[in-house]
C-alpha atoms as a PDB file:
ATOM      1  CA  MET A   1      24.057 -31.231  21.572  1.00  0.00           C
ATOM      2  CA  TYR A   2      23.395 -30.245  18.016  1.00  0.00           C
ATOM      3  CA  ASP A   3      25.866 -31.673  15.509  1.00  0.00           C
ATOM      4  CA  ARG A   4      25.964 -29.924  12.153  1.00  0.00           C
ATOM      5  CA  ASN A   5      27.390 -33.062  10.550  1.00  0.00           C
ATOM      6  CA  VAL A   6      24.306 -35.032  11.541  1.00  0.00           C
ATOM      7  CA  GLU A   7      21.563 -32.479  10.964  1.00  0.00           C
ATOM      8  CA  ASN A   8      22.455 -30.448   7.919  1.00  0.00           C
ATOM      9  CA  ALA A   9      21.504 -26.805   8.203  1.00  0.00           C
ATOM     10  CA  THR A  10      21.990 -23.545   6.357  1.00  0.00           C
ATOM     11  CA  ALA A  11      22.660 -20.205   8.009  1.00  0.00           C
ATOM     12  CA  PHE A  12      21.497 -16.922   6.513  1.00  0.00           C
ATOM     13  CA  ILE A  13      22.820 -13.575   7.691  1.00  0.00           C
ATOM     14  CA  LEU A  14      20.271 -10.793   7.172  1.00  0.00           C
ATOM     15  CA  ALA A  15      22.307  -7.752   6.186  1.00  0.00           C
ATOM     16  CA  GLY A  16      19.824  -5.776   4.133  1.00  0.00           C
ATOM     17  CA  GLY A  17      18.611  -3.271   6.693  1.00  0.00           C
ATOM     18  CA  LYS A  18      18.743   0.446   5.937  1.00  0.00           C
ATOM     19  CA  SER A  19      20.429   1.315   9.280  1.00  0.00           C
ATOM     20  CA  SER A  20      18.761   4.728   9.049  1.00  0.00           C
ATOM     21  CA  ARG A  21      18.891   5.437  12.792  1.00  0.00           C
ATOM     22  CA  MET A  22      22.551   4.436  12.967  1.00  0.00           C
ATOM     23  CA  GLY A  23      23.561   6.683  10.082  1.00  0.00           C
ATOM     24  CA  ALA A  24      25.929   4.011   8.755  1.00  0.00           C
ATOM     25  CA  ASP A  25      25.587   0.485   7.401  1.00  0.00           C
ATOM     26  CA  LYS A  26      25.620  -1.691  10.517  1.00  0.00           C
ATOM     27  CA  ALA A  27      27.053  -4.649   8.612  1.00  0.00           C
ATOM     28  CA  PHE A  28      30.356  -2.792   8.261  1.00  0.00           C
ATOM     29  CA  LEU A  29      30.656  -1.331  11.749  1.00  0.00           C
ATOM     30  CA  GLU A  30      33.688  -2.743  13.550  1.00  0.00           C
ATOM     31  CA  LEU A  31      33.632  -4.459  16.907  1.00  0.00           C
ATOM     32  CA  GLY A  32      36.808  -5.924  18.329  1.00  0.00           C
ATOM     33  CA  GLY A  33      38.631  -5.328  15.054  1.00  0.00           C
ATOM     34  CA  ARG A  34      36.072  -7.088  12.866  1.00  0.00           C
ATOM     35  CA  THR A  35      32.934  -5.927  11.134  1.00  0.00           C
ATOM     36  CA  LEU A  36      29.585  -7.118  12.418  1.00  0.00           C
ATOM     37  CA  LEU A  37      29.134  -9.031   9.173  1.00  0.00           C
ATOM     38  CA  ALA A  38      32.486 -10.786   9.533  1.00  0.00           C
ATOM     39  CA  ARG A  39      31.613 -11.715  13.108  1.00  0.00           C
ATOM     40  CA  ALA A  40      28.201 -13.053  12.092  1.00  0.00           C
ATOM     41  CA  LEU A  41      29.711 -15.140   9.304  1.00  0.00           C
ATOM     42  CA  GLN A  42      32.303 -16.595  11.651  1.00  0.00           C
ATOM     43  CA  VAL A  43      29.703 -17.513  14.276  1.00  0.00           C
ATOM     44  CA  ALA A  44      27.450 -19.046  11.620  1.00  0.00           C
ATOM     45  CA  GLU A  45      30.303 -21.263  10.461  1.00  0.00           C
ATOM     46  CA  THR A  46      30.241 -23.036  13.814  1.00  0.00           C
ATOM     47  CA  VAL A  47      26.746 -24.427  13.221  1.00  0.00           C
ATOM     48  CA  ALA A  48      26.150 -24.574   9.476  1.00  0.00           C
ATOM     49  CA  GLN A  49      27.881 -26.059   6.469  1.00  0.00           C
ATOM     50  CA  ARG A  50      26.239 -23.614   4.092  1.00  0.00           C
ATOM     51  CA  ILE A  51      26.133 -19.873   4.763  1.00  0.00           C
ATOM     52  CA  SER A  52      24.645 -17.080   2.684  1.00  0.00           C
ATOM     53  CA  ILE A  53      24.131 -13.367   3.142  1.00  0.00           C
ATOM     54  CA  VAL A  54      20.771 -11.781   2.353  1.00  0.00           C
ATOM     55  CA  GLY A  55      21.200  -8.192   1.232  1.00  0.00           C
ATOM     56  CA  ASP A  56      22.544  -5.837  -1.424  1.00  0.00           C
ATOM     57  CA  ARG A  57      24.577  -7.906  -3.867  1.00  0.00           C
ATOM     58  CA  THR A  58      26.655  -4.933  -5.027  1.00  0.00           C
ATOM     59  CA  LYS A  59      27.944  -4.359  -1.496  1.00  0.00           C
ATOM     60  CA  LEU A  60      28.167  -7.946  -0.299  1.00  0.00           C
ATOM     61  CA  GLU A  61      29.063 -10.322  -3.115  1.00  0.00           C
ATOM     62  CA  ALA A  62      32.803 -10.036  -2.439  1.00  0.00           C
ATOM     63  CA  LEU A  63      32.232 -11.315   1.100  1.00  0.00           C
ATOM     64  CA  GLY A  64      30.261 -14.492   0.451  1.00  0.00           C
ATOM     65  CA  ALA A  65      27.309 -16.073  -1.305  1.00  0.00           C
ATOM     66  CA  VAL A  66      24.464 -13.556  -1.585  1.00  0.00           C
ATOM     67  CA  VAL A  67      20.714 -14.143  -1.824  1.00  0.00           C
ATOM     68  CA  ASP A  68      18.589 -11.428  -3.444  1.00  0.00           C
ATOM     69  CA  ASP A  69      15.173 -10.416  -2.149  1.00  0.00           C
ATOM     70  CA  ILE A  70      12.306 -11.514  -4.380  1.00  0.00           C
ATOM     71  CA  TYR A  71      10.041  -8.990  -2.667  1.00  0.00           C
ATOM     72  CA  PRO A  72      12.349  -5.978  -2.214  1.00  0.00           C
ATOM     73  CA  ALA A  73      11.709  -3.255   0.345  1.00  0.00           C
ATOM     74  CA  CYS A  74       9.520  -5.575   2.436  1.00  0.00           C
ATOM     75  CA  GLY A  75      11.748  -5.691   5.484  1.00  0.00           C
ATOM     76  CA  PRO A  76      13.098  -8.790   7.212  1.00  0.00           C
ATOM     77  CA  LEU A  77      10.178 -10.977   6.139  1.00  0.00           C
ATOM     78  CA  GLY A  78      11.243 -10.458   2.534  1.00  0.00           C
ATOM     79  CA  GLY A  79      14.741 -11.572   3.481  1.00  0.00           C
ATOM     80  CA  ILE A  80      13.502 -14.663   5.304  1.00  0.00           C
ATOM     81  CA  HIS A  81      11.312 -15.555   2.318  1.00  0.00           C
ATOM     82  CA  ALA A  82      14.209 -15.222  -0.131  1.00  0.00           C
ATOM     83  CA  ALA A  83      16.469 -17.267   2.122  1.00  0.00           C
ATOM     84  CA  LEU A  84      14.005 -20.127   2.458  1.00  0.00           C
ATOM     85  CA  LEU A  85      13.304 -20.246  -1.271  1.00  0.00           C
ATOM     86  CA  SER A  86      17.024 -20.561  -1.945  1.00  0.00           C
ATOM     87  CA  THR A  87      17.831 -23.154   0.704  1.00  0.00           C
ATOM     88  CA  MET A  88      18.531 -26.812   0.068  1.00  0.00           C
ATOM     89  CA  THR A  89      18.155 -27.816   3.709  1.00  0.00           C
ATOM     90  CA  GLU A  90      15.181 -28.359   5.991  1.00  0.00           C
ATOM     91  CA  PHE A  91      16.589 -26.370   8.914  1.00  0.00           C
ATOM     92  CA  ASN A  92      17.621 -22.780   8.362  1.00  0.00           C
ATOM     93  CA  LEU A  93      19.100 -20.418  10.900  1.00  0.00           C
ATOM     94  CA  ILE A  94      18.152 -16.798  10.322  1.00  0.00           C
ATOM     95  CA  LEU A  95      20.523 -14.398  12.065  1.00  0.00           C
ATOM     96  CA  ALA A  96      20.446 -10.606  11.883  1.00  0.00           C
ATOM     97  CA  VAL A  97      23.831  -9.065  11.238  1.00  0.00           C
ATOM     98  CA  ASP A  98      23.463  -6.721  14.227  1.00  0.00           C
ATOM     99  CA  LEU A  99      23.374  -9.318  17.011  1.00  0.00           C
ATOM    100  CA  PRO A 100      27.042  -9.394  18.076  1.00  0.00           C
ATOM    101  CA  PHE A 101      26.282 -11.046  21.427  1.00  0.00           C
ATOM    102  CA  ALA A 102      24.704 -14.150  19.874  1.00  0.00           C
ATOM    103  CA  GLY A 103      27.587 -16.598  20.173  1.00  0.00           C
ATOM    104  CA  PRO A 104      28.239 -20.136  18.945  1.00  0.00           C
ATOM    105  CA  GLU A 105      26.959 -21.904  22.037  1.00  0.00           C
ATOM    106  CA  PHE A 106      23.588 -20.202  21.867  1.00  0.00           C
ATOM    107  CA  LEU A 107      23.182 -20.906  18.151  1.00  0.00           C
ATOM    108  CA  LYS A 108      24.020 -24.563  18.763  1.00  0.00           C
ATOM    109  CA  TYR A 109      21.402 -24.643  21.501  1.00  0.00           C
ATOM    110  CA  LEU A 110      18.831 -22.992  19.237  1.00  0.00           C
ATOM    111  CA  LEU A 111      19.401 -25.489  16.451  1.00  0.00           C
ATOM    112  CA  SER A 112      19.370 -28.369  18.903  1.00  0.00           C
ATOM    113  CA  GLU A 113      15.907 -27.318  20.034  1.00  0.00           C
ATOM    114  CA  ALA A 114      14.783 -26.974  16.425  1.00  0.00           C
ATOM    115  CA  VAL A 115      15.885 -30.409  15.270  1.00  0.00           C
ATOM    116  CA  HIS A 116      14.153 -32.089  18.202  1.00  0.00           C
ATOM    117  CA  THR A 117      10.728 -30.695  17.407  1.00  0.00           C
ATOM    118  CA  ASN A 118       8.263 -30.930  14.546  1.00  0.00           C
ATOM    119  CA  ALA A 119       7.663 -27.176  14.684  1.00  0.00           C
ATOM    120  CA  MET A 120       7.892 -25.065  11.536  1.00  0.00           C
ATOM    121  CA  VAL A 121       9.625 -22.305  13.493  1.00  0.00           C
ATOM    122  CA  THR A 122      11.768 -22.345  16.627  1.00  0.00           C
ATOM    123  CA  VAL A 123      11.965 -18.851  18.042  1.00  0.00           C
ATOM    124  CA  PRO A 124      13.012 -17.284  21.365  1.00  0.00           C
ATOM    125  CA  ARG A 125      10.712 -14.890  23.198  1.00  0.00           C
ATOM    126  CA  VAL A 126      12.069 -12.374  25.699  1.00  0.00           C
ATOM    127  CA  ALA A 127       9.999  -9.952  27.789  1.00  0.00           C
ATOM    128  CA  GLY A 128       6.983 -10.917  25.710  1.00  0.00           C
ATOM    129  CA  PHE A 129       8.665 -10.157  22.381  1.00  0.00           C
ATOM    130  CA  PHE A 130       9.598 -12.724  19.751  1.00  0.00           C
ATOM    131  CA  GLN A 131      13.129 -12.703  18.350  1.00  0.00           C
ATOM    132  CA  PRO A 132      12.374 -13.721  14.746  1.00  0.00           C
ATOM    133  CA  LEU A 133      15.777 -12.615  13.458  1.00  0.00           C
ATOM    134  CA  CYS A 134      17.583 -15.129  15.640  1.00  0.00           C
ATOM    135  CA  ALA A 135      15.449 -18.177  14.960  1.00  0.00           C
ATOM    136  CA  VAL A 136      15.293 -21.434  13.007  1.00  0.00           C
ATOM    137  CA  TYR A 137      12.810 -21.872  10.162  1.00  0.00           C
ATOM    138  CA  ARG A 138      11.950 -24.977   8.210  1.00  0.00           C
ATOM    139  CA  LYS A 139      11.986 -24.597   4.453  1.00  0.00           C
ATOM    140  CA  GLY A 140       8.181 -24.827   4.267  1.00  0.00           C
ATOM    141  CA  PHE A 141       7.792 -21.468   6.008  1.00  0.00           C
ATOM    142  CA  ALA A 142       8.617 -19.868   2.648  1.00  0.00           C
ATOM    143  CA  ALA A 143       5.044 -20.496   1.476  1.00  0.00           C
ATOM    144  CA  VAL A 144       3.618 -18.844   4.596  1.00  0.00           C
ATOM    145  CA  ALA A 145       5.875 -15.843   4.129  1.00  0.00           C
ATOM    146  CA  GLU A 146       4.982 -15.553   0.454  1.00  0.00           C
ATOM    147  CA  ARG A 147       1.250 -15.458   1.100  1.00  0.00           C
ATOM    148  CA  SER A 148       1.764 -12.699   3.638  1.00  0.00           C
ATOM    149  CA  LEU A 149       4.035 -10.677   1.347  1.00  0.00           C
ATOM    150  CA  GLN A 150       1.617 -10.990  -1.550  1.00  0.00           C
ATOM    151  CA  ALA A 151      -1.100  -9.632   0.726  1.00  0.00           C
ATOM    152  CA  GLY A 152       1.079  -6.645   1.596  1.00  0.00           C
ATOM    153  CA  LYS A 153       1.577  -7.845   5.187  1.00  0.00           C
ATOM    154  CA  ASN A 154       5.240  -7.633   6.107  1.00  0.00           C
ATOM    155  CA  LYS A 155       5.151  -8.336   9.834  1.00  0.00           C
ATOM    156  CA  ILE A 156       6.696 -11.605  10.957  1.00  0.00           C
ATOM    157  CA  ASP A 157       5.294 -12.230  14.432  1.00  0.00           C
ATOM    158  CA  PRO A 158       1.610 -12.666  13.415  1.00  0.00           C
ATOM    159  CA  LEU A 159       2.608 -15.558  11.166  1.00  0.00           C
ATOM    160  CA  PHE A 160       3.692 -17.633  14.134  1.00  0.00           C
ATOM    161  CA  ARG A 161       0.023 -18.068  15.024  1.00  0.00           C
ATOM    162  CA  ASP A 162      -0.547 -19.794  11.685  1.00  0.00           C
ATOM    163  CA  VAL A 163       2.109 -22.489  12.015  1.00  0.00           C
ATOM    164  CA  ASN A 164       3.400 -24.946  14.580  1.00  0.00           C
ATOM    165  CA  THR A 165       5.838 -22.776  16.512  1.00  0.00           C
ATOM    166  CA  ARG A 166       8.266 -23.841  19.210  1.00  0.00           C
ATOM    167  CA  VAL A 167       8.677 -20.839  21.482  1.00  0.00           C
ATOM    168  CA  ILE A 168      11.732 -20.800  23.720  1.00  0.00           C
ATOM    169  CA  GLU A 169      10.700 -18.686  26.677  1.00  0.00           C
ATOM    170  CA  GLU A 170      12.982 -16.519  28.763  1.00  0.00           C
ATOM    171  CA  ASP A 171      13.043 -18.903  31.708  1.00  0.00           C
ATOM    172  CA  GLU A 172      14.216 -21.705  29.428  1.00  0.00           C
ATOM    173  CA  LEU A 173      17.004 -19.519  28.117  1.00  0.00           C
ATOM    174  CA  THR A 174      18.230 -18.566  31.565  1.00  0.00           C
ATOM    175  CA  GLY A 175      17.880 -22.162  32.711  1.00  0.00           C
ATOM    176  CA  ALA A 176      20.165 -23.194  29.867  1.00  0.00           C
ATOM    177  CA  GLY A 177      22.746 -20.634  30.969  1.00  0.00           C
ATOM    178  CA  PHE A 178      22.032 -17.794  28.551  1.00  0.00           C
ATOM    179  CA  THR A 179      21.083 -14.182  29.157  1.00  0.00           C
ATOM    180  CA  THR A 180      18.822 -11.813  27.263  1.00  0.00           C
ATOM    181  CA  GLN A 181      21.976  -9.882  26.313  1.00  0.00           C
ATOM    182  CA  ILE A 182      22.135 -12.260  23.341  1.00  0.00           C
ATOM    183  CA  PHE A 183      19.430 -10.270  21.584  1.00  0.00           C
ATOM    184  CA  ARG A 184      20.877  -6.828  22.163  1.00  0.00           C
ATOM    185  CA  ASN A 185      21.061  -5.026  18.826  1.00  0.00           C
ATOM    186  CA  PRO A 186      22.393  -1.476  18.652  1.00  0.00           C
ATOM    187  CA  ASN A 187      20.318   0.823  16.442  1.00  0.00           C
ATOM    188  CA  THR A 188      21.711   4.280  17.222  1.00  0.00           C
ATOM    189  CA  PRO A 189      25.231   5.705  17.644  1.00  0.00           C
ATOM    190  CA  VAL A 190      24.689   5.911  21.418  1.00  0.00           C
ATOM    191  CA  GLU A 191      23.563   2.278  21.607  1.00  0.00           C
ATOM    192  CA  TRP A 192      26.524   1.310  19.461  1.00  0.00           C
ATOM    193  CA  GLN A 193      28.991   2.948  21.829  1.00  0.00           C
ATOM    194  CA  GLU A 194      27.312   1.199  24.761  1.00  0.00           C
ATOM    195  CA  ALA A 195      27.525  -2.134  22.958  1.00  0.00           C
ATOM    196  CA  LYS A 196      31.204  -1.593  22.208  1.00  0.00           C
ATOM    197  CA  MET A 197      31.914  -0.881  25.864  1.00  0.00           C
ATOM    198  CA  GLU A 198      29.984  -3.965  26.929  1.00  0.00           C
ATOM    199  CA  PHE A 199      31.792  -6.111  24.383  1.00  0.00           C
ATOM    200  CA  GLU A 200      35.191  -4.883  25.548  1.00  0.00           C
ATOM    201  CA  LYS A 201      34.286  -5.856  29.130  1.00  0.00           C
ATOM    202  CA  LYS A 202      33.522  -9.398  28.015  1.00  0.00           C
ATOM    203  CA  SER A 203      36.639  -9.734  25.855  1.00  0.00           C
END
């Protein structure tokens, strides 16, 4: 099992999304009496000694250390790039703020897989889709991200072809006792209400 005292890691919460389909900033939506950002920070504390938030400093600086995008308005890849340039550790957990079902045990598992491989990126893949916003990146991925951003290419998934990537497939996840529910992220008011109902069932 991954031990954060042995393998030092940093966790970054990506909270810079526009939340346009939701109509409200997802970071501050409440689930079980806590905001999604507060929940993400608490979960991150179970696996990392250093935690930062990537997003709008004016909204977030009272809640923790904040990392500013170097390439603003470039989506999550810009956030990952900024995080990796700021980090002092080799292993870096990137976690989107809107993944309330990603709990401590899964993040420990994810980091455990990352520290036992030479891969630049350790990323789950479910139903054929990568989950790059719940993944572990080595610091060196910053250079890969920067080249892509400078070229005006903001998509993350294509970059995995260019580096040594450890893909955790769906059957591995289920074999380890996890479900694809981990990656459920509500994007609309209807999805948010469904997520709240599902969360209450599990509480």
